[in-house]
Amino acid sequence: MPTRKRTTVVWWATLTSMVVLNLVLAAVLLRHVATLNEQEYDPFGEFPLQMAPTQVVVGETVPVEVVKCYNEDVQIVGTVSWRSLEPADAVFPVGTGVNDALEGCNEFSYVNPWPPSAVSQANAWLASGEDVIFRIEGIETPAIGGVSKLWTTTAFEVLLEEVGNE
């Protein structure tokens, strides 16, 4: 038969364990709520694949049809680069800029001039008989910070001259 002293010790041990368990659960719950509040700012919606022509003459401007969707009006910082997909994974930076993006899905038409370094490299690859494929890509980030979003154009074959003009 248990003694009164032993029953009291068991009761206090159980009570202490329950208090400690509740404190641990409360700390875990508070950390979870804090983590939810620390999620990075993300004003971006969908950025579908941007449509470029399938073939482009080296050095000629590349028209691109674009749709970008934003969940709210936001000022963005964007960078643009040209990337070779064949024969190598070379990147040719174009620049960085700031723009005000409007809430909703916005359609744009861009005419993209070639970076001079990309023209030189593409000409060298084409002269050596290699197939050359590029795409244009960029990264947008809210000016106040937050999640970055990548966009890319469709890939395009690079030609020395117009097909049929050889």
C-alpha atoms as a PDB file:
ATOM      1  CA  MET A   1       0.000   0.000   0.000  1.00  0.00           C
ATOM      2  CA  PRO A   2       1.466   3.385  -1.025  1.00  0.00           C
ATOM      3  CA  THR A   3       2.352   5.861   1.627  1.00  0.00           C
ATOM      4  CA  ARG A   4       1.020   9.367   1.711  1.00  0.00           C
ATOM      5  CA  LYS A   5       4.510  10.770   1.179  1.00  0.00           C
ATOM      6  CA  ARG A   6       5.056   8.598  -1.907  1.00  0.00           C
ATOM      7  CA  THR A   7       1.652   9.600  -3.334  1.00  0.00           C
ATOM      8  CA  THR A   8       2.495  13.283  -2.862  1.00  0.00           C
ATOM      9  CA  VAL A   9       5.863  12.876  -4.641  1.00  0.00           C
ATOM     10  CA  VAL A  10       4.219  11.061  -7.581  1.00  0.00           C
ATOM     11  CA  TRP A  11       1.518  13.725  -7.746  1.00  0.00           C
ATOM     12  CA  TRP A  12       4.082  16.581  -7.819  1.00  0.00           C
ATOM     13  CA  ALA A  13       6.230  14.771 -10.394  1.00  0.00           C
ATOM     14  CA  THR A  14       3.189  14.278 -12.629  1.00  0.00           C
ATOM     15  CA  LEU A  15       2.113  17.899 -12.206  1.00  0.00           C
ATOM     16  CA  THR A  16       5.638  19.160 -12.948  1.00  0.00           C
ATOM     17  CA  SER A  17       5.873  16.956 -16.050  1.00  0.00           C
ATOM     18  CA  MET A  18       2.530  18.268 -17.315  1.00  0.00           C
ATOM     19  CA  VAL A  19       3.599  21.893 -16.761  1.00  0.00           C
ATOM     20  CA  VAL A  20       6.912  21.322 -18.546  1.00  0.00           C
ATOM     21  CA  LEU A  21       5.140  19.540 -21.421  1.00  0.00           C
ATOM     22  CA  ASN A  22       2.672  22.431 -21.770  1.00  0.00           C
ATOM     23  CA  LEU A  23       5.522  24.960 -21.770  1.00  0.00           C
ATOM     24  CA  VAL A  24       7.344  23.011 -24.479  1.00  0.00           C
ATOM     25  CA  LEU A  25       4.170  22.784 -26.573  1.00  0.00           C
ATOM     26  CA  ALA A  26       3.544  26.510 -26.123  1.00  0.00           C
ATOM     27  CA  ALA A  27       7.115  27.306 -27.214  1.00  0.00           C
ATOM     28  CA  VAL A  28       6.771  25.090 -30.297  1.00  0.00           C
ATOM     29  CA  LEU A  29       3.445  26.717 -31.176  1.00  0.00           C
ATOM     30  CA  LEU A  30       4.850  30.236 -30.733  1.00  0.00           C
ATOM     31  CA  ARG A  31       7.876  29.384 -32.896  1.00  0.00           C
ATOM     32  CA  HIS A  32       5.546  28.029 -35.608  1.00  0.00           C
ATOM     33  CA  VAL A  33       3.462  31.235 -35.560  1.00  0.00           C
ATOM     34  CA  ALA A  34       6.630  33.349 -35.682  1.00  0.00           C
ATOM     35  CA  THR A  35       7.882  31.314 -38.665  1.00  0.00           C
ATOM     36  CA  LEU A  36       4.603  31.904 -40.499  1.00  0.00           C
ATOM     37  CA  ASN A  37       4.991  35.640 -39.936  1.00  0.00           C
ATOM     38  CA  GLU A  38       8.623  35.541 -41.161  1.00  0.00           C
ATOM     39  CA  GLN A  39       7.756  34.231 -44.648  1.00  0.00           C
ATOM     40  CA  GLU A  40       9.336  36.346 -47.339  1.00  0.00           C
ATOM     41  CA  TYR A  41       7.309  38.940 -49.174  1.00  0.00           C
ATOM     42  CA  ASP A  42       6.054  37.504 -52.506  1.00  0.00           C
ATOM     43  CA  PRO A  43       3.945  39.803 -54.714  1.00  0.00           C
ATOM     44  CA  PHE A  44       4.376  37.625 -57.810  1.00  0.00           C
ATOM     45  CA  GLY A  45       1.752  35.625 -59.633  1.00  0.00           C
ATOM     46  CA  GLU A  46       2.446  33.509 -62.699  1.00  0.00           C
ATOM     47  CA  PHE A  47       5.183  34.305 -65.207  1.00  0.00           C
ATOM     48  CA  PRO A  48       4.359  32.041 -68.148  1.00  0.00           C
ATOM     49  CA  LEU A  49       7.128  31.140 -70.592  1.00  0.00           C
ATOM     50  CA  GLN A  50       7.741  34.239 -72.719  1.00  0.00           C
ATOM     51  CA  MET A  51       7.423  33.738 -76.454  1.00  0.00           C
ATOM     52  CA  ALA A  52      10.406  34.469 -78.705  1.00  0.00           C
ATOM     53  CA  PRO A  53      10.724  33.494 -82.389  1.00  0.00           C
ATOM     54  CA  THR A  54      12.050  29.974 -82.993  1.00  0.00           C
ATOM     55  CA  GLN A  55      14.894  31.282 -85.188  1.00  0.00           C
ATOM     56  CA  VAL A  56      16.831  34.533 -84.919  1.00  0.00           C
ATOM     57  CA  VAL A  57      19.626  35.994 -87.041  1.00  0.00           C
ATOM     58  CA  VAL A  58      22.670  36.763 -84.928  1.00  0.00           C
ATOM     59  CA  GLY A  59      22.807  40.474 -84.072  1.00  0.00           C
ATOM     60  CA  GLU A  60      19.205  41.247 -85.072  1.00  0.00           C
ATOM     61  CA  THR A  61      16.749  42.336 -82.401  1.00  0.00           C
ATOM     62  CA  VAL A  62      14.586  39.642 -80.842  1.00  0.00           C
ATOM     63  CA  PRO A  63      10.879  40.437 -80.376  1.00  0.00           C
ATOM     64  CA  VAL A  64       9.326  38.801 -77.309  1.00  0.00           C
ATOM     65  CA  GLU A  65       5.689  38.610 -76.224  1.00  0.00           C
ATOM     66  CA  VAL A  66       5.399  38.634 -72.438  1.00  0.00           C
ATOM     67  CA  VAL A  67       2.757  38.033 -69.771  1.00  0.00           C
ATOM     68  CA  LYS A  68       3.643  38.726 -66.141  1.00  0.00           C
ATOM     69  CA  CYS A  69       1.167  38.520 -63.283  1.00  0.00           C
ATOM     70  CA  TYR A  70       1.428  40.368 -59.975  1.00  0.00           C
ATOM     71  CA  ASN A  71      -0.724  39.955 -56.857  1.00  0.00           C
ATOM     72  CA  GLU A  72      -0.462  43.699 -56.096  1.00  0.00           C
ATOM     73  CA  ASP A  73       1.138  46.903 -57.349  1.00  0.00           C
ATOM     74  CA  VAL A  74       4.837  46.642 -56.571  1.00  0.00           C
ATOM     75  CA  GLN A  75       8.117  48.297 -57.459  1.00  0.00           C
ATOM     76  CA  ILE A  76      10.544  45.691 -58.762  1.00  0.00           C
ATOM     77  CA  VAL A  77      14.247  45.488 -59.498  1.00  0.00           C
ATOM     78  CA  GLY A  78      14.923  43.348 -62.542  1.00  0.00           C
ATOM     79  CA  THR A  79      18.018  41.940 -64.206  1.00  0.00           C
ATOM     80  CA  VAL A  80      18.189  40.616 -67.754  1.00  0.00           C
ATOM     81  CA  SER A  81      20.709  38.246 -69.330  1.00  0.00           C
ATOM     82  CA  TRP A  82      21.097  36.211 -72.483  1.00  0.00           C
ATOM     83  CA  ARG A  83      22.035  32.571 -71.910  1.00  0.00           C
ATOM     84  CA  SER A  84      23.386  30.147 -74.469  1.00  0.00           C
ATOM     85  CA  LEU A  85      21.890  26.687 -74.135  1.00  0.00           C
ATOM     86  CA  GLU A  86      24.017  25.218 -76.942  1.00  0.00           C
ATOM     87  CA  PRO A  87      26.915  24.752 -77.314  1.00  0.00           C
ATOM     88  CA  ALA A  88      27.744  25.977 -73.797  1.00  0.00           C
ATOM     89  CA  ASP A  89      26.016  27.477 -70.810  1.00  0.00           C
ATOM     90  CA  ALA A  90      27.412  30.992 -71.190  1.00  0.00           C
ATOM     91  CA  VAL A  91      25.656  34.024 -69.668  1.00  0.00           C
ATOM     92  CA  PHE A  92      25.760  37.513 -71.182  1.00  0.00           C
ATOM     93  CA  PRO A  93      24.394  40.152 -68.754  1.00  0.00           C
ATOM     94  CA  VAL A  94      22.372  43.007 -70.238  1.00  0.00           C
ATOM     95  CA  GLY A  95      21.587  45.148 -67.217  1.00  0.00           C
ATOM     96  CA  THR A  96      19.477  45.951 -64.201  1.00  0.00           C
ATOM     97  CA  GLY A  97      16.545  48.309 -63.879  1.00  0.00           C
ATOM     98  CA  VAL A  98      13.698  49.405 -61.616  1.00  0.00           C
ATOM     99  CA  ASN A  99      10.069  49.340 -62.719  1.00  0.00           C
ATOM    100  CA  ASP A 100       6.595  49.750 -61.242  1.00  0.00           C
ATOM    101  CA  ALA A 101       4.533  46.602 -61.865  1.00  0.00           C
ATOM    102  CA  LEU A 102       0.744  46.797 -61.747  1.00  0.00           C
ATOM    103  CA  GLU A 103      -1.524  44.292 -60.065  1.00  0.00           C
ATOM    104  CA  GLY A 104      -2.997  41.684 -62.393  1.00  0.00           C
ATOM    105  CA  CYS A 105      -1.705  39.993 -65.529  1.00  0.00           C
ATOM    106  CA  ASN A 106       0.066  42.455 -67.803  1.00  0.00           C
ATOM    107  CA  GLU A 107       0.999  41.874 -71.439  1.00  0.00           C
ATOM    108  CA  PHE A 108       4.098  43.432 -72.959  1.00  0.00           C
ATOM    109  CA  SER A 109       5.960  43.336 -76.263  1.00  0.00           C
ATOM    110  CA  TYR A 110       9.708  43.820 -76.045  1.00  0.00           C
ATOM    111  CA  VAL A 111      12.337  44.202 -78.750  1.00  0.00           C
ATOM    112  CA  ASN A 112      15.612  42.905 -77.334  1.00  0.00           C
ATOM    113  CA  PRO A 113      18.928  44.009 -78.859  1.00  0.00           C
ATOM    114  CA  TRP A 114      21.798  41.535 -78.588  1.00  0.00           C
ATOM    115  CA  PRO A 115      24.532  42.206 -76.035  1.00  0.00           C
ATOM    116  CA  PRO A 116      27.732  42.823 -78.067  1.00  0.00           C
ATOM    117  CA  SER A 117      29.587  40.034 -76.244  1.00  0.00           C
ATOM    118  CA  ALA A 118      26.816  37.558 -77.152  1.00  0.00           C
ATOM    119  CA  VAL A 119      27.037  38.584 -80.838  1.00  0.00           C
ATOM    120  CA  SER A 120      30.807  37.983 -80.863  1.00  0.00           C
ATOM    121  CA  GLN A 121      30.503  34.614 -79.158  1.00  0.00           C
ATOM    122  CA  ALA A 122      27.562  33.447 -81.287  1.00  0.00           C
ATOM    123  CA  ASN A 123      29.439  34.417 -84.474  1.00  0.00           C
ATOM    124  CA  ALA A 124      32.486  32.452 -83.305  1.00  0.00           C
ATOM    125  CA  TRP A 125      30.383  29.370 -82.530  1.00  0.00           C
ATOM    126  CA  LEU A 126      28.517  29.605 -85.850  1.00  0.00           C
ATOM    127  CA  ALA A 127      31.780  30.056 -87.788  1.00  0.00           C
ATOM    128  CA  SER A 128      33.077  26.836 -86.226  1.00  0.00           C
ATOM    129  CA  GLY A 129      29.966  24.993 -87.429  1.00  0.00           C
ATOM    130  CA  GLU A 130      28.275  24.600 -84.058  1.00  0.00           C
ATOM    131  CA  ASP A 131      24.521  24.780 -83.521  1.00  0.00           C
ATOM    132  CA  VAL A 132      23.705  27.809 -81.376  1.00  0.00           C
ATOM    133  CA  ILE A 133      20.624  28.112 -79.185  1.00  0.00           C
ATOM    134  CA  PHE A 134      19.903  30.998 -76.812  1.00  0.00           C
ATOM    135  CA  ARG A 135      17.190  32.213 -74.497  1.00  0.00           C
ATOM    136  CA  ILE A 136      16.679  35.507 -72.690  1.00  0.00           C
ATOM    137  CA  GLU A 137      16.045  35.377 -68.949  1.00  0.00           C
ATOM    138  CA  GLY A 138      15.623  37.646 -66.010  1.00  0.00           C
ATOM    139  CA  ILE A 139      15.077  37.802 -62.297  1.00  0.00           C
ATOM    140  CA  GLU A 140      12.647  40.182 -60.624  1.00  0.00           C
ATOM    141  CA  THR A 141      12.793  41.055 -56.932  1.00  0.00           C
ATOM    142  CA  PRO A 142      10.585  43.478 -54.974  1.00  0.00           C
ATOM    143  CA  ALA A 143      12.524  46.712 -54.409  1.00  0.00           C
ATOM    144  CA  ILE A 144      11.798  46.416 -50.670  1.00  0.00           C
ATOM    145  CA  GLY A 145      13.121  42.837 -50.620  1.00  0.00           C
ATOM    146  CA  GLY A 146      11.455  39.469 -50.697  1.00  0.00           C
ATOM    147  CA  VAL A 147      11.167  36.458 -52.957  1.00  0.00           C
ATOM    148  CA  SER A 148      12.809  36.648 -56.400  1.00  0.00           C
ATOM    149  CA  LYS A 149      11.048  35.319 -59.488  1.00  0.00           C
ATOM    150  CA  LEU A 150      12.754  33.945 -62.606  1.00  0.00           C
ATOM    151  CA  TRP A 151      11.318  34.398 -66.075  1.00  0.00           C
ATOM    152  CA  THR A 152      12.606  32.971 -69.352  1.00  0.00           C
ATOM    153  CA  THR A 153      11.826  33.161 -73.031  1.00  0.00           C
ATOM    154  CA  THR A 154      11.390  30.185 -75.264  1.00  0.00           C
ATOM    155  CA  ALA A 155      14.677  28.972 -76.711  1.00  0.00           C
ATOM    156  CA  PHE A 156      15.613  30.218 -80.171  1.00  0.00           C
ATOM    157  CA  GLU A 157      18.024  28.911 -82.770  1.00  0.00           C
ATOM    158  CA  VAL A 158      20.628  31.445 -83.860  1.00  0.00           C
ATOM    159  CA  LEU A 159      21.390  31.733 -87.591  1.00  0.00           C
ATOM    160  CA  LEU A 160      24.119  33.564 -89.513  1.00  0.00           C
ATOM    161  CA  GLU A 161      21.522  34.897 -91.939  1.00  0.00           C
ATOM    162  CA  GLU A 162      17.840  34.574 -92.816  1.00  0.00           C
ATOM    163  CA  VAL A 163      16.756  31.106 -93.930  1.00  0.00           C
ATOM    164  CA  GLY A 164      16.371  31.178 -97.727  1.00  0.00           C
ATOM    165  CA  ASN A 165      18.903  34.034 -98.206  1.00  0.00           C
ATOM    166  CA  GLU A 166      21.951  31.799 -98.465  1.00  0.00           C
END
